[in-house]
Amino acid sequence: MRLARVVGNVVATQKDPKLHGEKLLLIQPLDDKLKASGDIIAAIDVVRAGPGDVVYYTLSREAAFALKSVPPVDAAITGFVDMVNVEKNAEVIDKNLRDKIFGKLE
């Protein structure tokens, strides 16, 4: 899952017929701390997001599957983000302990 914030919209007077009636938005990709990460991209909106919404999106072929008509799109907004929880002190299994439990991996 990729996180982004909606930062604008796209107005297109001509587009592929499979995109008629669909909304295109500009989204700013975000990292796990909700800070801007990467370039702004245009994405088809299937959830009716608005400016300032934090959303998640898909890219490539999966983005085209977000709509029934399978249009020529590279990014699609597929849901809203209500909360982000990042575990800061994730426990890491000590290699020696792992070897004792699972046997030496070669």
N, C-alpha and C. Protein backbone atom coordinates (compact mmCIF):
# COMPACT_ATOMS: atom_id res chain seq x y z
N MET A 1 0.84 -1.16 0.00
CA MET A 1 0.00 0.00 0.00
C MET A 1 0.90 1.23 0.00
N ARG A 2 0.50 2.22 -0.76
CA ARG A 2 1.26 3.47 -0.86
C ARG A 2 0.37 4.60 -0.35
N LEU A 3 0.95 5.48 0.44
CA LEU A 3 0.19 6.59 1.01
C LEU A 3 0.43 7.86 0.22
N ALA A 4 -0.61 8.73 0.18
CA ALA A 4 -0.49 10.02 -0.51
C ALA A 4 -1.51 10.99 0.06
N ARG A 5 -1.29 12.27 -0.22
CA ARG A 5 -2.25 13.32 0.14
C ARG A 5 -2.74 13.95 -1.16
N VAL A 6 -4.04 14.19 -1.26
CA VAL A 6 -4.61 14.84 -2.44
C VAL A 6 -4.23 16.33 -2.38
N VAL A 7 -3.59 16.81 -3.45
CA VAL A 7 -3.12 18.20 -3.48
C VAL A 7 -3.74 19.02 -4.60
N GLY A 8 -4.53 18.42 -5.47
CA GLY A 8 -5.13 19.17 -6.56
C GLY A 8 -5.94 18.29 -7.47
N ASN A 9 -6.46 18.88 -8.53
CA ASN A 9 -7.21 18.09 -9.50
C ASN A 9 -6.71 18.37 -10.91
N VAL A 10 -7.16 17.53 -11.83
CA VAL A 10 -6.75 17.64 -13.23
C VAL A 10 -8.01 17.86 -14.06
N VAL A 11 -7.98 18.86 -14.93
CA VAL A 11 -9.08 19.08 -15.85
C VAL A 11 -8.58 18.72 -17.24
N ALA A 12 -9.25 17.76 -17.88
CA ALA A 12 -8.84 17.31 -19.22
C ALA A 12 -10.04 17.43 -20.16
N THR A 13 -9.89 18.25 -21.20
CA THR A 13 -11.00 18.42 -22.13
C THR A 13 -11.12 17.22 -23.07
N GLN A 14 -10.00 16.53 -23.29
CA GLN A 14 -10.04 15.33 -24.11
C GLN A 14 -9.33 14.22 -23.36
N LYS A 15 -9.95 13.05 -23.33
CA LYS A 15 -9.34 11.90 -22.68
C LYS A 15 -9.90 10.62 -23.28
N ASP A 16 -9.29 9.51 -22.95
CA ASP A 16 -9.75 8.22 -23.42
C ASP A 16 -11.22 8.04 -23.07
N PRO A 17 -12.02 7.49 -23.98
CA PRO A 17 -13.45 7.30 -23.70
C PRO A 17 -13.73 6.49 -22.42
N LYS A 18 -12.82 5.60 -22.05
CA LYS A 18 -13.02 4.81 -20.83
C LYS A 18 -12.88 5.66 -19.56
N LEU A 19 -12.35 6.88 -19.71
CA LEU A 19 -12.17 7.77 -18.57
C LEU A 19 -13.27 8.84 -18.45
N HIS A 20 -14.23 8.85 -19.38
CA HIS A 20 -15.31 9.84 -19.30
C HIS A 20 -16.09 9.63 -18.01
N GLY A 21 -16.29 10.74 -17.30
CA GLY A 21 -17.03 10.70 -16.05
C GLY A 21 -16.18 10.35 -14.84
N GLU A 22 -14.90 10.08 -15.04
CA GLU A 22 -13.99 9.74 -13.94
C GLU A 22 -13.20 10.98 -13.54
N LYS A 23 -12.90 11.10 -12.26
CA LYS A 23 -12.17 12.25 -11.73
C LYS A 23 -10.69 11.92 -11.64
N LEU A 24 -9.86 12.85 -12.07
CA LEU A 24 -8.41 12.73 -11.96
C LEU A 24 -7.93 13.72 -10.90
N LEU A 25 -7.09 13.24 -9.98
CA LEU A 25 -6.56 14.09 -8.92
C LEU A 25 -5.04 14.06 -8.93
N LEU A 26 -4.45 15.12 -8.39
CA LEU A 26 -3.01 15.16 -8.17
C LEU A 26 -2.76 14.72 -6.74
N ILE A 27 -1.83 13.78 -6.57
CA ILE A 27 -1.52 13.28 -5.23
C ILE A 27 -0.02 13.40 -4.95
N GLN A 28 0.29 13.71 -3.70
CA GLN A 28 1.68 13.80 -3.24
C GLN A 28 1.99 12.54 -2.45
N PRO A 29 2.85 11.66 -2.95
CA PRO A 29 3.21 10.47 -2.17
C PRO A 29 3.79 10.86 -0.81
N LEU A 30 3.52 10.03 0.21
CA LEU A 30 3.95 10.28 1.57
C LEU A 30 4.74 9.10 2.11
N ASP A 31 5.62 9.38 3.08
CA ASP A 31 6.31 8.29 3.77
C ASP A 31 5.48 7.86 4.98
N ASP A 32 6.02 6.97 5.81
CA ASP A 32 5.25 6.46 6.95
C ASP A 32 5.03 7.51 8.04
N LYS A 33 5.73 8.65 7.95
CA LYS A 33 5.53 9.74 8.90
C LYS A 33 4.64 10.82 8.30
N LEU A 34 4.03 10.52 7.15
CA LEU A 34 3.14 11.41 6.41
C LEU A 34 3.85 12.67 5.93
N LYS A 35 5.13 12.54 5.61
CA LYS A 35 5.91 13.63 5.02
C LYS A 35 6.02 13.37 3.52
N ALA A 36 6.06 14.46 2.74
CA ALA A 36 6.15 14.34 1.28
C ALA A 36 7.35 13.49 0.89
N SER A 37 7.11 12.61 -0.08
CA SER A 37 8.16 11.69 -0.53
C SER A 37 7.99 11.42 -2.02
N GLY A 38 8.76 12.08 -2.83
CA GLY A 38 8.68 11.85 -4.27
C GLY A 38 7.88 12.94 -4.98
N ASP A 39 7.72 12.74 -6.26
CA ASP A 39 7.05 13.72 -7.12
C ASP A 39 5.53 13.56 -7.07
N ILE A 40 4.83 14.65 -7.32
CA ILE A 40 3.36 14.63 -7.41
C ILE A 40 2.98 13.85 -8.67
N ILE A 41 1.94 13.04 -8.56
CA ILE A 41 1.47 12.25 -9.70
C ILE A 41 -0.04 12.42 -9.88
N ALA A 42 -0.51 12.16 -11.08
CA ALA A 42 -1.94 12.19 -11.37
C ALA A 42 -2.48 10.77 -11.19
N ALA A 43 -3.66 10.69 -10.56
CA ALA A 43 -4.27 9.38 -10.31
C ALA A 43 -5.77 9.44 -10.54
N ILE A 44 -6.32 8.37 -11.04
CA ILE A 44 -7.77 8.25 -11.19
C ILE A 44 -8.35 8.06 -9.79
N ASP A 45 -9.49 8.68 -9.52
CA ASP A 45 -10.09 8.63 -8.19
C ASP A 45 -11.34 7.76 -8.23
N VAL A 46 -11.30 6.62 -7.57
CA VAL A 46 -12.47 5.73 -7.53
C VAL A 46 -13.21 5.80 -6.20
N VAL A 47 -12.71 6.61 -5.25
CA VAL A 47 -13.34 6.69 -3.93
C VAL A 47 -13.92 8.07 -3.63
N ARG A 48 -13.82 8.98 -4.57
CA ARG A 48 -14.33 10.35 -4.41
C ARG A 48 -13.63 11.11 -3.30
N ALA A 49 -12.31 11.14 -3.38
CA ALA A 49 -11.49 11.87 -2.42
C ALA A 49 -11.51 13.36 -2.74
N GLY A 50 -11.06 14.15 -1.79
CA GLY A 50 -11.02 15.58 -1.98
C GLY A 50 -9.71 16.17 -1.52
N PRO A 51 -9.51 17.47 -1.72
CA PRO A 51 -8.26 18.13 -1.34
C PRO A 51 -7.95 17.92 0.14
N GLY A 52 -6.69 17.56 0.42
CA GLY A 52 -6.24 17.36 1.79
C GLY A 52 -6.44 15.96 2.33
N ASP A 53 -7.25 15.13 1.67
CA ASP A 53 -7.47 13.76 2.14
C ASP A 53 -6.19 12.95 2.04
N VAL A 54 -5.95 12.11 3.06
CA VAL A 54 -4.85 11.15 3.00
C VAL A 54 -5.45 9.85 2.47
N VAL A 55 -4.86 9.34 1.41
CA VAL A 55 -5.42 8.18 0.72
C VAL A 55 -4.33 7.14 0.50
N TYR A 56 -4.75 5.95 0.07
CA TYR A 56 -3.77 5.00 -0.43
C TYR A 56 -4.09 4.72 -1.88
N TYR A 57 -3.04 4.34 -2.61
CA TYR A 57 -3.18 4.19 -4.05
C TYR A 57 -2.37 3.01 -4.56
N THR A 58 -2.69 2.61 -5.78
CA THR A 58 -1.95 1.53 -6.44
C THR A 58 -1.38 2.07 -7.74
N LEU A 59 -0.39 1.37 -8.24
CA LEU A 59 0.27 1.76 -9.49
C LEU A 59 0.20 0.62 -10.51
N SER A 60 0.52 0.95 -11.74
CA SER A 60 0.67 -0.01 -12.84
C SER A 60 -0.63 -0.71 -13.18
N ARG A 61 -0.53 -1.97 -13.50
CA ARG A 61 -1.69 -2.74 -13.95
C ARG A 61 -2.80 -2.79 -12.91
N GLU A 62 -2.43 -2.86 -11.63
CA GLU A 62 -3.43 -2.91 -10.57
C GLU A 62 -4.28 -1.64 -10.56
N ALA A 63 -3.70 -0.52 -10.95
CA ALA A 63 -4.45 0.73 -11.00
C ALA A 63 -5.56 0.66 -12.03
N ALA A 64 -5.29 0.06 -13.16
CA ALA A 64 -6.31 -0.07 -14.21
C ALA A 64 -7.46 -0.95 -13.75
N PHE A 65 -7.19 -1.94 -12.91
CA PHE A 65 -8.23 -2.83 -12.43
C PHE A 65 -9.17 -2.17 -11.41
N ALA A 66 -8.83 -0.96 -10.95
CA ALA A 66 -9.68 -0.27 -9.99
C ALA A 66 -11.02 0.13 -10.61
N LEU A 67 -11.06 0.25 -11.94
CA LEU A 67 -12.29 0.56 -12.65
C LEU A 67 -12.72 -0.64 -13.49
N LYS A 68 -13.99 -0.81 -13.66
CA LYS A 68 -14.51 -1.95 -14.42
C LYS A 68 -14.10 -1.93 -15.89
N SER A 69 -13.93 -0.71 -16.43
CA SER A 69 -13.64 -0.59 -17.86
C SER A 69 -12.18 -0.83 -18.21
N VAL A 70 -11.30 -0.99 -17.24
CA VAL A 70 -9.86 -1.17 -17.40
C VAL A 70 -9.29 -0.09 -18.35
N PRO A 71 -9.29 1.15 -17.86
CA PRO A 71 -8.79 2.25 -18.68
C PRO A 71 -7.27 2.33 -18.68
N PRO A 72 -6.71 3.17 -19.55
CA PRO A 72 -5.25 3.34 -19.60
C PRO A 72 -4.77 4.31 -18.51
N VAL A 73 -4.61 3.80 -17.29
CA VAL A 73 -4.13 4.63 -16.18
C VAL A 73 -2.93 3.96 -15.51
N ASP A 74 -2.09 4.78 -14.89
CA ASP A 74 -0.91 4.28 -14.19
C ASP A 74 -1.04 4.34 -12.68
N ALA A 75 -2.00 5.14 -12.18
CA ALA A 75 -2.18 5.27 -10.73
C ALA A 75 -3.68 5.41 -10.43
N ALA A 76 -4.11 4.79 -9.33
CA ALA A 76 -5.51 4.88 -8.93
C ALA A 76 -5.60 5.00 -7.41
N ILE A 77 -6.39 5.96 -6.96
CA ILE A 77 -6.68 6.10 -5.53
C ILE A 77 -7.72 5.04 -5.20
N THR A 78 -7.40 4.18 -4.21
CA THR A 78 -8.30 3.05 -3.93
C THR A 78 -8.89 3.07 -2.52
N GLY A 79 -8.51 4.04 -1.68
CA GLY A 79 -9.10 4.09 -0.35
C GLY A 79 -8.62 5.27 0.46
N PHE A 80 -9.32 5.50 1.57
CA PHE A 80 -8.97 6.56 2.51
C PHE A 80 -8.15 5.99 3.66
N VAL A 81 -7.23 6.79 4.19
CA VAL A 81 -6.43 6.38 5.35
C VAL A 81 -7.01 7.08 6.57
N ASP A 82 -7.42 6.28 7.57
CA ASP A 82 -7.96 6.84 8.80
C ASP A 82 -6.87 7.01 9.85
N MET A 83 -5.89 6.10 9.85
CA MET A 83 -4.85 6.14 10.87
C MET A 83 -3.62 5.42 10.35
N VAL A 84 -2.44 5.88 10.77
CA VAL A 84 -1.19 5.22 10.45
C VAL A 84 -0.49 4.93 11.77
N ASN A 85 -0.13 3.67 11.98
CA ASN A 85 0.54 3.27 13.21
C ASN A 85 1.85 2.61 12.82
N VAL A 86 2.97 3.20 13.23
CA VAL A 86 4.28 2.66 12.92
C VAL A 86 4.93 2.20 14.20
N GLU A 87 5.31 0.93 14.24
CA GLU A 87 5.98 0.39 15.42
C GLU A 87 7.42 0.85 15.40
N LYS A 88 7.83 1.59 16.41
CA LYS A 88 9.17 2.19 16.41
C LYS A 88 10.25 1.24 16.88
N ASN A 89 9.99 0.45 17.90
CA ASN A 89 11.03 -0.42 18.46
C ASN A 89 10.72 -1.88 18.14
N ALA A 90 10.66 -2.18 16.86
CA ALA A 90 10.38 -3.54 16.44
C ALA A 90 11.48 -4.47 16.96
N GLU A 91 11.06 -5.60 17.49
CA GLU A 91 12.02 -6.55 18.06
C GLU A 91 12.69 -7.32 16.93
N VAL A 92 13.98 -7.40 16.96
CA VAL A 92 14.74 -8.13 15.96
C VAL A 92 15.30 -9.39 16.62
N ILE A 93 15.06 -10.52 15.97
CA ILE A 93 15.57 -11.78 16.52
C ILE A 93 17.07 -11.85 16.32
N ASP A 94 17.78 -12.08 17.38
CA ASP A 94 19.22 -12.22 17.33
C ASP A 94 19.56 -13.42 16.44
N LYS A 95 20.54 -13.27 15.53
CA LYS A 95 20.89 -14.33 14.58
C LYS A 95 21.23 -15.63 15.30
N ASN A 96 22.00 -15.55 16.38
CA ASN A 96 22.38 -16.75 17.10
C ASN A 96 21.16 -17.44 17.70
N LEU A 97 20.24 -16.67 18.26
CA LEU A 97 19.02 -17.23 18.82
C LEU A 97 18.19 -17.88 17.71
N ARG A 98 18.12 -17.21 16.55
CA ARG A 98 17.38 -17.77 15.42
C ARG A 98 17.97 -19.11 15.02
N ASP A 99 19.30 -19.18 14.95
CA ASP A 99 19.96 -20.43 14.58
C ASP A 99 19.64 -21.53 15.59
N LYS A 100 19.60 -21.20 16.88
CA LYS A 100 19.29 -22.19 17.91
C LYS A 100 17.86 -22.70 17.76
N ILE A 101 16.94 -21.81 17.39
CA ILE A 101 15.53 -22.20 17.27
C ILE A 101 15.27 -22.97 15.97
N PHE A 102 15.75 -22.46 14.85
CA PHE A 102 15.41 -23.02 13.55
C PHE A 102 16.52 -23.86 12.93
N GLY A 103 17.66 -23.94 13.56
CA GLY A 103 18.78 -24.62 12.95
C GLY A 103 19.52 -23.67 12.05
N LYS A 104 20.75 -23.96 11.75
CA LYS A 104 21.57 -23.07 10.94
C LYS A 104 21.06 -23.07 9.51
N LEU A 105 20.78 -21.86 9.02
CA LEU A 105 20.29 -21.72 7.63
C LEU A 105 21.47 -21.50 6.71
N GLU A 106 21.54 -22.26 5.65
CA GLU A 106 22.68 -22.15 4.74
C GLU A 106 22.25 -21.61 3.41
